[in-house]
Amino acid sequence: MKFKCKKDNLENGISIVQKATSNKTTLPLLEGILVEAYDKLRLTGNDLEIGIEYYLDADIIDKGSIVINSKMFGEIVRRLPDSEVTIEVKENNLVIIDCEQSHFEIKGMPSEGFPSLPEIEKQNSFKISQKTIRDMIKQTIFCVCLDDFRPILTGSLIEFDKGELTIVSLDGNRVAIRKSNLEYSENSFNVVIPAKTLNEIIKILQPVDDEIYIYSSKNQIMFENNNFKVVSKLLEGEFFKYRYLLTKDHETKAIVNTKKF
């Protein structure tokens, strides 16, 4: 495998997929980033709870794949000059990284056995601008419960019903609700997404009008556009019936209680 790409693009891609690599595991592959050079350059991180794929432009000279330790890879690329980076894989999984006068040789791992991201059936879905979903998450995630006493509250409820999207977070004292009207669709579903996933999504999404597709299956959620894909497990259980907290004359309402729910 051999490819060339801009240092800034590679650094950005690594920083995104690093969010899905594991620091506490007995499986070395999960501490690594899968680098695949085929039609495009694809970086993948997967800790089995959340998986992220990121695509970037590169000059693919020889096709192939390798797994590189995430922490080591990120530290090396961050220290490279702002120039073109050449990465080549030699025999015995030896990875050569060159950039101007910088030269590194590190040991990679075979890509066989690296866990693929789960396949999501694209039946329950909707599309929304990156800016809108990013703002909705940021305006509600501060109310997510921070302890595991009630695990279902450590995530946010996402409801989609015939074109209306609602995100709800609550921690026992506060509830935050944000609604948005999207393009009409017959799809209807509700899922609870872990706060960890949503915090990483916020960092990836950009405040632009480019659309992102969101797909839901029985126990997985996927965020996807042309540059990246994020797949995460969902939280299991029944979310708090937040509508009982709202009076009928308000579509949304901020509530602060002194009592625990």
C-alpha atoms as a PDB file:
ATOM      1  CA  MET A   1       0.000   0.000   0.000  1.00  0.00           C
ATOM      2  CA  LYS A   2       1.214   3.487  -0.813  1.00  0.00           C
ATOM      3  CA  PHE A   3      -0.522   6.866  -0.979  1.00  0.00           C
ATOM      4  CA  LYS A   4       0.098  10.608  -0.725  1.00  0.00           C
ATOM      5  CA  CYS A   5      -2.136  13.226   0.854  1.00  0.00           C
ATOM      6  CA  LYS A   6      -2.056  16.643   2.496  1.00  0.00           C
ATOM      7  CA  LYS A   7      -0.908  16.660   6.098  1.00  0.00           C
ATOM      8  CA  ASP A   8      -3.811  18.845   7.284  1.00  0.00           C
ATOM      9  CA  ASN A   9      -6.424  16.540   5.743  1.00  0.00           C
ATOM     10  CA  LEU A  10      -4.808  13.454   7.247  1.00  0.00           C
ATOM     11  CA  GLU A  11      -4.499  15.054  10.674  1.00  0.00           C
ATOM     12  CA  ASN A  12      -8.166  16.069  10.610  1.00  0.00           C
ATOM     13  CA  GLY A  13      -9.266  12.578   9.576  1.00  0.00           C
ATOM     14  CA  ILE A  14      -7.220  10.936  12.317  1.00  0.00           C
ATOM     15  CA  SER A  15      -8.594  13.285  14.977  1.00  0.00           C
ATOM     16  CA  ILE A  16     -12.150  12.372  13.947  1.00  0.00           C
ATOM     17  CA  VAL A  17     -11.828   8.575  13.901  1.00  0.00           C
ATOM     18  CA  GLN A  18      -9.687   8.566  17.066  1.00  0.00           C
ATOM     19  CA  LYS A  19     -12.905   9.298  18.955  1.00  0.00           C
ATOM     20  CA  ALA A  20     -13.994   5.724  18.230  1.00  0.00           C
ATOM     21  CA  THR A  21     -10.774   3.951  19.215  1.00  0.00           C
ATOM     22  CA  SER A  22     -10.406   2.245  22.570  1.00  0.00           C
ATOM     23  CA  ASN A  23      -7.735   3.017  25.166  1.00  0.00           C
ATOM     24  CA  LYS A  24      -8.791   0.262  27.545  1.00  0.00           C
ATOM     25  CA  THR A  25      -8.938  -3.054  25.737  1.00  0.00           C
ATOM     26  CA  THR A  26      -7.134  -6.355  25.531  1.00  0.00           C
ATOM     27  CA  LEU A  27      -7.558  -6.288  21.737  1.00  0.00           C
ATOM     28  CA  PRO A  28      -4.735  -4.272  20.117  1.00  0.00           C
ATOM     29  CA  LEU A  29      -6.738  -3.878  16.897  1.00  0.00           C
ATOM     30  CA  LEU A  30      -9.330  -1.754  18.741  1.00  0.00           C
ATOM     31  CA  GLU A  31      -6.555   0.665  19.736  1.00  0.00           C
ATOM     32  CA  GLY A  32      -5.772   1.190  16.084  1.00  0.00           C
ATOM     33  CA  ILE A  33      -7.072   3.030  13.036  1.00  0.00           C
ATOM     34  CA  LEU A  34      -7.836   0.979   9.950  1.00  0.00           C
ATOM     35  CA  VAL A  35      -6.281   2.705   6.935  1.00  0.00           C
ATOM     36  CA  GLU A  36      -7.646   1.573   3.555  1.00  0.00           C
ATOM     37  CA  ALA A  37      -6.348   2.935   0.254  1.00  0.00           C
ATOM     38  CA  TYR A  38      -8.546   1.917  -2.646  1.00  0.00           C
ATOM     39  CA  ASP A  39     -10.710   4.290  -4.709  1.00  0.00           C
ATOM     40  CA  LYS A  40     -10.418   6.782  -1.846  1.00  0.00           C
ATOM     41  CA  LEU A  41      -8.516   6.881   1.399  1.00  0.00           C
ATOM     42  CA  ARG A  42     -10.709   5.656   4.247  1.00  0.00           C
ATOM     43  CA  LEU A  43      -9.896   5.801   7.962  1.00  0.00           C
ATOM     44  CA  THR A  44     -11.937   3.760  10.449  1.00  0.00           C
ATOM     45  CA  GLY A  45     -12.070   3.564  14.234  1.00  0.00           C
ATOM     46  CA  ASN A  46     -14.325   1.091  16.051  1.00  0.00           C
ATOM     47  CA  ASP A  47     -14.458   0.347  19.785  1.00  0.00           C
ATOM     48  CA  LEU A  48     -17.578  -1.858  19.358  1.00  0.00           C
ATOM     49  CA  GLU A  49     -19.779   0.808  20.980  1.00  0.00           C
ATOM     50  CA  ILE A  50     -19.269   3.512  18.365  1.00  0.00           C
ATOM     51  CA  GLY A  51     -17.657   3.249  14.947  1.00  0.00           C
ATOM     52  CA  ILE A  52     -16.517   6.115  12.687  1.00  0.00           C
ATOM     53  CA  GLU A  53     -15.471   6.038   9.033  1.00  0.00           C
ATOM     54  CA  TYR A  54     -13.936   9.094   7.408  1.00  0.00           C
ATOM     55  CA  TYR A  55     -13.078   9.560   3.731  1.00  0.00           C
ATOM     56  CA  LEU A  56     -10.445  11.919   2.379  1.00  0.00           C
ATOM     57  CA  ASP A  57      -8.849  12.652  -0.960  1.00  0.00           C
ATOM     58  CA  ALA A  58      -5.476  11.093  -1.622  1.00  0.00           C
ATOM     59  CA  ASP A  59      -3.232  10.045  -4.467  1.00  0.00           C
ATOM     60  CA  ILE A  60      -3.475   6.240  -4.303  1.00  0.00           C
ATOM     61  CA  ILE A  61      -0.308   4.721  -5.733  1.00  0.00           C
ATOM     62  CA  ASP A  62      -0.653   1.122  -4.498  1.00  0.00           C
ATOM     63  CA  LYS A  63      -3.879  -0.234  -3.028  1.00  0.00           C
ATOM     64  CA  GLY A  64      -4.018  -1.997   0.309  1.00  0.00           C
ATOM     65  CA  SER A  65      -4.869  -1.711   4.006  1.00  0.00           C
ATOM     66  CA  ILE A  66      -3.165  -1.653   7.404  1.00  0.00           C
ATOM     67  CA  VAL A  67      -4.057  -0.971  11.057  1.00  0.00           C
ATOM     68  CA  ILE A  68      -1.908   1.636  12.835  1.00  0.00           C
ATOM     69  CA  ASN A  69      -1.939   2.379  16.558  1.00  0.00           C
ATOM     70  CA  SER A  70      -4.172   5.427  16.921  1.00  0.00           C
ATOM     71  CA  LYS A  71      -2.183   7.331  19.547  1.00  0.00           C
ATOM     72  CA  MET A  72       1.152   6.815  17.803  1.00  0.00           C
ATOM     73  CA  PHE A  73      -0.256   7.641  14.366  1.00  0.00           C
ATOM     74  CA  GLY A  74      -1.871  10.845  15.603  1.00  0.00           C
ATOM     75  CA  GLU A  75       1.216  12.072  17.438  1.00  0.00           C
ATOM     76  CA  ILE A  76       3.471  11.487  14.417  1.00  0.00           C
ATOM     77  CA  VAL A  77       1.180  13.226  11.920  1.00  0.00           C
ATOM     78  CA  ARG A  78       0.615  16.231  14.215  1.00  0.00           C
ATOM     79  CA  ARG A  79       4.381  16.827  14.312  1.00  0.00           C
ATOM     80  CA  LEU A  80       4.878  16.668  10.557  1.00  0.00           C
ATOM     81  CA  PRO A  81       5.528  19.787   8.457  1.00  0.00           C
ATOM     82  CA  ASP A  82       2.541  21.341   6.675  1.00  0.00           C
ATOM     83  CA  SER A  83       3.234  19.568   3.424  1.00  0.00           C
ATOM     84  CA  GLU A  84       2.420  16.403   1.476  1.00  0.00           C
ATOM     85  CA  VAL A  85       2.670  13.143   3.408  1.00  0.00           C
ATOM     86  CA  THR A  86       3.654   9.827   1.840  1.00  0.00           C
ATOM     87  CA  ILE A  87       2.708   6.617   3.620  1.00  0.00           C
ATOM     88  CA  GLU A  88       3.886   3.240   2.413  1.00  0.00           C
ATOM     89  CA  VAL A  89       3.511  -0.264   3.835  1.00  0.00           C
ATOM     90  CA  LYS A  90       6.449  -2.614   3.352  1.00  0.00           C
ATOM     91  CA  GLU A  91       6.869  -6.307   4.163  1.00  0.00           C
ATOM     92  CA  ASN A  92       6.046  -7.506   7.685  1.00  0.00           C
ATOM     93  CA  ASN A  93       3.552  -4.607   8.096  1.00  0.00           C
ATOM     94  CA  LEU A  94       6.287  -1.981   8.371  1.00  0.00           C
ATOM     95  CA  VAL A  95       4.739   1.466   7.873  1.00  0.00           C
ATOM     96  CA  ILE A  96       6.938   4.204   6.402  1.00  0.00           C
ATOM     97  CA  ILE A  97       5.812   7.827   6.909  1.00  0.00           C
ATOM     98  CA  ASP A  98       7.683  10.545   4.986  1.00  0.00           C
ATOM     99  CA  CYS A  99       7.070  14.290   4.863  1.00  0.00           C
ATOM    100  CA  GLU A 100       9.824  16.594   3.563  1.00  0.00           C
ATOM    101  CA  GLN A 101      12.832  15.807   5.802  1.00  0.00           C
ATOM    102  CA  SER A 102      10.791  13.822   8.348  1.00  0.00           C
ATOM    103  CA  HIS A 103      10.973  10.023   8.240  1.00  0.00           C
ATOM    104  CA  PHE A 104       9.265   7.515  10.547  1.00  0.00           C
ATOM    105  CA  GLU A 105       9.121   3.732  10.580  1.00  0.00           C
ATOM    106  CA  ILE A 106       6.503   2.087  12.790  1.00  0.00           C
ATOM    107  CA  LYS A 107       4.998  -1.367  13.080  1.00  0.00           C
ATOM    108  CA  GLY A 108       1.463  -1.797  11.796  1.00  0.00           C
ATOM    109  CA  MET A 109      -1.009  -4.660  12.212  1.00  0.00           C
ATOM    110  CA  PRO A 110      -2.755  -6.751   9.535  1.00  0.00           C
ATOM    111  CA  SER A 111      -6.224  -5.455   8.737  1.00  0.00           C
ATOM    112  CA  GLU A 112      -7.772  -8.935   8.840  1.00  0.00           C
ATOM    113  CA  GLY A 113      -9.934  -9.219  11.919  1.00  0.00           C
ATOM    114  CA  PHE A 114     -10.604  -5.493  12.288  1.00  0.00           C
ATOM    115  CA  PRO A 115     -14.331  -5.218  13.150  1.00  0.00           C
ATOM    116  CA  SER A 116     -16.476  -3.852  10.340  1.00  0.00           C
ATOM    117  CA  LEU A 117     -19.113  -1.260  11.095  1.00  0.00           C
ATOM    118  CA  PRO A 118     -22.574  -2.837  11.446  1.00  0.00           C
ATOM    119  CA  GLU A 119     -24.857  -2.742   8.425  1.00  0.00           C
ATOM    120  CA  ILE A 120     -27.912  -0.557   9.027  1.00  0.00           C
ATOM    121  CA  GLU A 121     -31.170  -1.155   7.191  1.00  0.00           C
ATOM    122  CA  LYS A 122     -32.050   2.152   5.570  1.00  0.00           C
ATOM    123  CA  GLN A 123     -35.788   1.988   6.168  1.00  0.00           C
ATOM    124  CA  ASN A 124     -36.269   4.339   9.133  1.00  0.00           C
ATOM    125  CA  SER A 125     -34.510   7.493   8.036  1.00  0.00           C
ATOM    126  CA  PHE A 126     -34.617  11.241   7.542  1.00  0.00           C
ATOM    127  CA  LYS A 127     -32.306  13.923   6.216  1.00  0.00           C
ATOM    128  CA  ILE A 128     -31.408  17.197   7.876  1.00  0.00           C
ATOM    129  CA  SER A 129     -28.802  19.926   7.507  1.00  0.00           C
ATOM    130  CA  GLN A 130     -25.637  19.502   9.537  1.00  0.00           C
ATOM    131  CA  LYS A 131     -26.163  22.918  11.131  1.00  0.00           C
ATOM    132  CA  THR A 132     -29.711  22.145  12.283  1.00  0.00           C
ATOM    133  CA  ILE A 133     -29.003  18.766  13.885  1.00  0.00           C
ATOM    134  CA  ARG A 134     -25.765  20.112  15.401  1.00  0.00           C
ATOM    135  CA  ASP A 135     -27.641  23.021  17.009  1.00  0.00           C
ATOM    136  CA  MET A 136     -30.449  20.752  18.248  1.00  0.00           C
ATOM    137  CA  ILE A 137     -28.002  18.414  19.962  1.00  0.00           C
ATOM    138  CA  LYS A 138     -25.995  21.257  21.526  1.00  0.00           C
ATOM    139  CA  GLN A 139     -29.174  22.885  22.853  1.00  0.00           C
ATOM    140  CA  THR A 140     -30.348  19.716  24.641  1.00  0.00           C
ATOM    141  CA  ILE A 141     -27.352  17.550  25.579  1.00  0.00           C
ATOM    142  CA  PHE A 142     -26.503  19.641  28.656  1.00  0.00           C
ATOM    143  CA  CYS A 143     -29.515  18.069  30.387  1.00  0.00           C
ATOM    144  CA  VAL A 144     -28.357  14.462  29.948  1.00  0.00           C
ATOM    145  CA  CYS A 145     -27.912  12.518  33.194  1.00  0.00           C
ATOM    146  CA  LEU A 146     -24.233  12.098  34.110  1.00  0.00           C
ATOM    147  CA  ASP A 147     -24.483   9.029  36.349  1.00  0.00           C
ATOM    148  CA  ASP A 148     -25.581   5.454  35.691  1.00  0.00           C
ATOM    149  CA  PHE A 149     -28.346   5.352  38.300  1.00  0.00           C
ATOM    150  CA  ARG A 150     -30.879   5.488  35.448  1.00  0.00           C
ATOM    151  CA  PRO A 151     -28.946   4.378  32.352  1.00  0.00           C
ATOM    152  CA  ILE A 152     -31.680   5.346  29.893  1.00  0.00           C
ATOM    153  CA  LEU A 153     -31.262   8.990  30.930  1.00  0.00           C
ATOM    154  CA  THR A 154     -27.562   9.006  29.991  1.00  0.00           C
ATOM    155  CA  GLY A 155     -28.697   9.544  26.410  1.00  0.00           C
ATOM    156  CA  SER A 156     -31.056  11.790  24.471  1.00  0.00           C
ATOM    157  CA  LEU A 157     -34.386  10.730  23.027  1.00  0.00           C
ATOM    158  CA  ILE A 158     -34.748  11.355  19.295  1.00  0.00           C
ATOM    159  CA  GLU A 159     -38.287  11.195  17.949  1.00  0.00           C
ATOM    160  CA  PHE A 160     -39.130  11.498  14.284  1.00  0.00           C
ATOM    161  CA  ASP A 161     -42.793  11.545  13.314  1.00  0.00           C
ATOM    162  CA  LYS A 162     -43.893  12.371   9.778  1.00  0.00           C
ATOM    163  CA  GLY A 163     -41.469  15.229   9.305  1.00  0.00           C
ATOM    164  CA  GLU A 164     -41.234  16.571  12.861  1.00  0.00           C
ATOM    165  CA  LEU A 165     -37.975  15.913  14.707  1.00  0.00           C
ATOM    166  CA  THR A 166     -37.798  16.201  18.498  1.00  0.00           C
ATOM    167  CA  ILE A 167     -34.757  15.795  20.733  1.00  0.00           C
ATOM    168  CA  VAL A 168     -35.290  15.412  24.490  1.00  0.00           C
ATOM    169  CA  SER A 169     -32.757  15.237  27.328  1.00  0.00           C
ATOM    170  CA  LEU A 170     -33.426  15.146  31.068  1.00  0.00           C
ATOM    171  CA  ASP A 171     -31.401  14.458  34.185  1.00  0.00           C
ATOM    172  CA  GLY A 172     -34.060  14.256  36.910  1.00  0.00           C
ATOM    173  CA  ASN A 173     -34.019  17.982  37.659  1.00  0.00           C
ATOM    174  CA  ARG A 174     -34.178  19.559  34.211  1.00  0.00           C
ATOM    175  CA  VAL A 175     -35.622  18.738  30.821  1.00  0.00           C
ATOM    176  CA  ALA A 176     -34.542  20.239  27.487  1.00  0.00           C
ATOM    177  CA  ILE A 177     -36.668  19.812  24.376  1.00  0.00           C
ATOM    178  CA  ARG A 178     -35.925  21.024  20.855  1.00  0.00           C
ATOM    179  CA  LYS A 179     -38.167  20.563  17.823  1.00  0.00           C
ATOM    180  CA  SER A 180     -37.685  21.101  14.117  1.00  0.00           C
ATOM    181  CA  ASN A 181     -39.970  20.633  11.115  1.00  0.00           C
ATOM    182  CA  LEU A 182     -38.322  18.764   8.256  1.00  0.00           C
ATOM    183  CA  GLU A 183     -39.455  17.455   4.895  1.00  0.00           C
ATOM    184  CA  TYR A 184     -42.612  15.350   5.299  1.00  0.00           C
ATOM    185  CA  SER A 185     -42.027  11.613   5.502  1.00  0.00           C
ATOM    186  CA  GLU A 186     -44.118   8.578   6.408  1.00  0.00           C
ATOM    187  CA  ASN A 187     -41.296   7.375   8.657  1.00  0.00           C
ATOM    188  CA  SER A 188     -41.872   7.405  12.406  1.00  0.00           C
ATOM    189  CA  PHE A 189     -39.535   6.126  15.098  1.00  0.00           C
ATOM    190  CA  ASN A 190     -38.004   7.027  18.460  1.00  0.00           C
ATOM    191  CA  VAL A 191     -34.605   5.964  19.817  1.00  0.00           C
ATOM    192  CA  VAL A 192     -32.313   6.904  22.698  1.00  0.00           C
ATOM    193  CA  ILE A 193     -28.745   7.743  21.671  1.00  0.00           C
ATOM    194  CA  PRO A 194     -25.875   7.674  24.210  1.00  0.00           C
ATOM    195  CA  ALA A 195     -24.508  11.081  25.154  1.00  0.00           C
ATOM    196  CA  LYS A 196     -21.008   9.864  24.241  1.00  0.00           C
ATOM    197  CA  THR A 197     -22.104   9.394  20.645  1.00  0.00           C
ATOM    198  CA  LEU A 198     -23.840  12.750  20.491  1.00  0.00           C
ATOM    199  CA  ASN A 199     -20.815  14.558  21.933  1.00  0.00           C
ATOM    200  CA  GLU A 200     -18.645  13.071  19.194  1.00  0.00           C
ATOM    201  CA  ILE A 201     -21.228  13.882  16.519  1.00  0.00           C
ATOM    202  CA  ILE A 202     -21.141  17.549  17.567  1.00  0.00           C
ATOM    203  CA  LYS A 203     -17.379  17.625  16.992  1.00  0.00           C
ATOM    204  CA  ILE A 204     -17.706  16.121  13.509  1.00  0.00           C
ATOM    205  CA  LEU A 205     -20.669  18.110  12.205  1.00  0.00           C
ATOM    206  CA  GLN A 206     -20.056  21.516  10.665  1.00  0.00           C
ATOM    207  CA  PRO A 207     -22.309  24.607  10.906  1.00  0.00           C
ATOM    208  CA  VAL A 208     -23.236  24.349   7.219  1.00  0.00           C
ATOM    209  CA  ASP A 209     -26.394  23.587   5.260  1.00  0.00           C
ATOM    210  CA  ASP A 210     -25.027  20.381   3.723  1.00  0.00           C
ATOM    211  CA  GLU A 211     -27.415  17.528   4.449  1.00  0.00           C
ATOM    212  CA  ILE A 212     -26.743  14.476   6.561  1.00  0.00           C
ATOM    213  CA  TYR A 213     -28.798  11.279   6.566  1.00  0.00           C
ATOM    214  CA  ILE A 214     -29.775   9.566   9.815  1.00  0.00           C
ATOM    215  CA  TYR A 215     -30.821   5.914   9.762  1.00  0.00           C
ATOM    216  CA  SER A 216     -32.189   3.844  12.637  1.00  0.00           C
ATOM    217  CA  SER A 217     -32.519   0.108  13.111  1.00  0.00           C
ATOM    218  CA  LYS A 218     -33.579  -1.949  16.121  1.00  0.00           C
ATOM    219  CA  ASN A 219     -30.452  -1.273  18.192  1.00  0.00           C
ATOM    220  CA  GLN A 220     -28.210   0.921  16.009  1.00  0.00           C
ATOM    221  CA  ILE A 221     -28.158   4.496  14.723  1.00  0.00           C
ATOM    222  CA  MET A 222     -26.134   5.811  11.786  1.00  0.00           C
ATOM    223  CA  PHE A 223     -25.196   9.349  10.740  1.00  0.00           C
ATOM    224  CA  GLU A 224     -23.899   9.520   7.180  1.00  0.00           C
ATOM    225  CA  ASN A 225     -22.881  11.951   4.456  1.00  0.00           C
ATOM    226  CA  ASN A 226     -20.320  11.919   1.655  1.00  0.00           C
ATOM    227  CA  ASN A 227     -17.332  12.388   3.984  1.00  0.00           C
ATOM    228  CA  PHE A 228     -18.086  10.307   7.052  1.00  0.00           C
ATOM    229  CA  LYS A 229     -20.199   7.624   8.652  1.00  0.00           C
ATOM    230  CA  VAL A 230     -20.880   7.203  12.377  1.00  0.00           C
ATOM    231  CA  VAL A 231     -22.595   4.083  13.728  1.00  0.00           C
ATOM    232  CA  SER A 232     -23.499   3.675  17.391  1.00  0.00           C
ATOM    233  CA  LYS A 233     -25.390   1.308  19.640  1.00  0.00           C
ATOM    234  CA  LEU A 234     -28.627   2.624  21.111  1.00  0.00           C
ATOM    235  CA  LEU A 235     -29.619   2.617  24.757  1.00  0.00           C
ATOM    236  CA  GLU A 236     -32.221   0.030  25.698  1.00  0.00           C
ATOM    237  CA  GLY A 237     -35.236   0.734  27.856  1.00  0.00           C
ATOM    238  CA  GLU A 238     -38.217   3.084  28.000  1.00  0.00           C
ATOM    239  CA  PHE A 239     -37.490   6.798  28.138  1.00  0.00           C
ATOM    240  CA  PHE A 240     -39.273   8.986  30.673  1.00  0.00           C
ATOM    241  CA  LYS A 241     -42.721  10.121  29.455  1.00  0.00           C
ATOM    242  CA  TYR A 242     -41.687  13.743  29.223  1.00  0.00           C
ATOM    243  CA  ARG A 243     -44.974  14.957  27.724  1.00  0.00           C
ATOM    244  CA  TYR A 244     -46.600  14.692  31.161  1.00  0.00           C
ATOM    245  CA  LEU A 245     -44.368  17.590  32.208  1.00  0.00           C
ATOM    246  CA  LEU A 246     -45.722  19.912  29.531  1.00  0.00           C
ATOM    247  CA  THR A 247     -48.971  21.831  29.575  1.00  0.00           C
ATOM    248  CA  LYS A 248     -51.154  21.543  26.497  1.00  0.00           C
ATOM    249  CA  ASP A 249     -50.771  25.182  25.499  1.00  0.00           C
ATOM    250  CA  HIS A 250     -46.995  24.869  24.923  1.00  0.00           C
ATOM    251  CA  GLU A 251     -45.227  22.931  22.201  1.00  0.00           C
ATOM    252  CA  THR A 252     -41.929  23.260  24.065  1.00  0.00           C
ATOM    253  CA  LYS A 253     -41.136  24.398  27.567  1.00  0.00           C
ATOM    254  CA  ALA A 254     -38.073  24.616  29.798  1.00  0.00           C
ATOM    255  CA  ILE A 255     -38.710  23.171  33.260  1.00  0.00           C
ATOM    256  CA  VAL A 256     -36.563  23.159  36.379  1.00  0.00           C
ATOM    257  CA  ASN A 257     -37.813  21.124  39.339  1.00  0.00           C
ATOM    258  CA  THR A 258     -36.420  20.735  42.834  1.00  0.00           C
ATOM    259  CA  LYS A 259     -37.719  17.179  43.039  1.00  0.00           C
ATOM    260  CA  LYS A 260     -36.241  14.194  41.271  1.00  0.00           C
ATOM    261  CA  PHE A 261     -38.459  12.571  38.634  1.00  0.00           C
END
